[in-house]
Amino acid sequence: MMSKFMMSCEESRHICDKAQYQEASTWEKIKFKCHLFICKVCKQHTITNSKLTLLIDKIKTSTLTSSEKEQLKSSFNKELQNHQ
């Protein structure tokens, strides 16, 4: 039987996802931190998941406007022609 502080790796991954979207309760976060202290696999999953979330957020904030896309396309075509 698991204690109040222990959880399965499956539950840990679920809470990891909830925590990144600020949907995890305080108690879930405490249990999750206890699990990460002893489980290296879930700790690595959490690190990877955090990096992925940061990359996705970075992509969302760095989208190009239509004029920037056209300018980039034009520059690309010019470079392509220069190398042919």
Protein backbone atom coordinates (compact mmCIF):
# COMPACT_ATOMS: atom_id res chain seq x y z
CA MET A 1 0.00 0.00 0.00
CA MET A 2 1.29 3.48 -0.88
CA SER A 3 1.55 6.15 1.75
CA LYS A 4 -0.17 9.52 1.46
CA PHE A 5 3.03 11.01 0.02
CA MET A 6 3.71 8.32 -2.56
CA MET A 7 2.22 8.10 -6.03
CA SER A 8 2.70 6.05 -9.15
CA CYS A 9 4.86 7.29 -12.02
CA GLU A 10 1.72 7.51 -14.16
CA GLU A 11 0.05 9.80 -11.64
CA SER A 12 3.27 11.80 -11.35
CA ARG A 13 3.36 12.44 -15.11
CA HIS A 14 -0.27 13.54 -15.02
CA ILE A 15 0.38 15.98 -12.18
CA CYS A 16 3.49 17.24 -13.99
CA ASP A 17 1.29 18.20 -16.93
CA LYS A 18 -1.34 19.76 -14.67
CA ALA A 19 1.30 21.77 -12.79
CA GLN A 20 2.64 23.29 -15.99
CA TYR A 21 -0.82 24.64 -16.77
CA GLN A 22 -1.37 25.81 -13.15
CA GLU A 23 -4.12 23.20 -12.67
CA ALA A 24 -2.51 21.13 -9.89
CA SER A 25 -3.61 21.56 -6.29
CA THR A 26 -1.13 22.35 -3.54
CA TRP A 27 -1.42 18.81 -2.17
CA GLU A 28 -0.75 17.33 -5.64
CA LYS A 29 2.34 19.53 -5.97
CA ILE A 30 3.66 18.38 -2.59
CA LYS A 31 3.15 14.71 -3.46
CA PHE A 32 4.70 15.31 -6.86
CA LYS A 33 7.83 16.91 -5.35
CA CYS A 34 8.18 13.95 -2.96
CA HIS A 35 7.93 11.54 -5.88
CA LEU A 36 10.54 13.48 -7.88
CA PHE A 37 12.91 13.26 -4.93
CA ILE A 38 13.06 9.47 -5.27
CA CYS A 39 12.25 8.81 -8.95
CA LYS A 40 14.93 9.79 -11.47
CA VAL A 41 12.80 8.78 -14.46
CA CYS A 42 9.98 11.14 -13.53
CA LYS A 43 12.47 13.86 -12.66
CA GLN A 44 13.95 13.60 -16.17
CA HIS A 45 10.42 13.61 -17.66
CA THR A 46 9.68 16.81 -15.76
CA ILE A 47 12.87 18.48 -17.04
CA THR A 48 12.12 17.46 -20.62
CA ASN A 49 8.50 18.53 -20.34
CA SER A 50 9.53 21.94 -19.00
CA LYS A 51 11.98 22.48 -21.86
CA LEU A 52 9.31 21.54 -24.38
CA THR A 53 6.83 23.96 -22.83
CA LEU A 54 9.41 26.78 -22.93
CA LEU A 55 10.16 26.08 -26.59
CA ILE A 56 6.48 26.10 -27.50
CA ASP A 57 5.97 29.38 -25.65
CA LYS A 58 8.98 30.85 -27.43
CA ILE A 59 7.58 29.81 -30.81
CA LYS A 60 4.20 31.34 -29.99
CA THR A 61 5.80 34.68 -29.20
CA SER A 62 8.06 34.69 -32.23
CA THR A 63 5.53 34.30 -35.02
CA LEU A 64 6.08 36.50 -38.03
CA THR A 65 3.69 39.07 -39.40
CA SER A 66 2.58 38.80 -43.03
CA SER A 67 4.98 41.54 -44.13
CA GLU A 68 7.87 39.86 -42.29
CA LYS A 69 7.03 36.56 -44.00
CA GLU A 70 7.05 38.24 -47.40
CA GLN A 71 10.35 39.95 -46.64
CA LEU A 72 11.87 36.65 -45.53
CA LYS A 73 10.52 34.89 -48.63
CA SER A 74 11.97 37.59 -50.85
CA SER A 75 15.37 37.39 -49.17
CA PHE A 76 15.34 33.63 -49.44
CA ASN A 77 14.52 33.75 -53.15
CA LYS A 78 17.30 36.28 -53.78
CA GLU A 79 19.83 34.10 -51.99
CA LEU A 80 18.60 31.06 -53.87
CA GLN A 81 19.06 32.83 -57.19
CA ASN A 82 22.57 34.00 -56.24
CA HIS A 83 23.65 30.42 -55.55
CA GLN A 84 22.36 28.92 -58.80
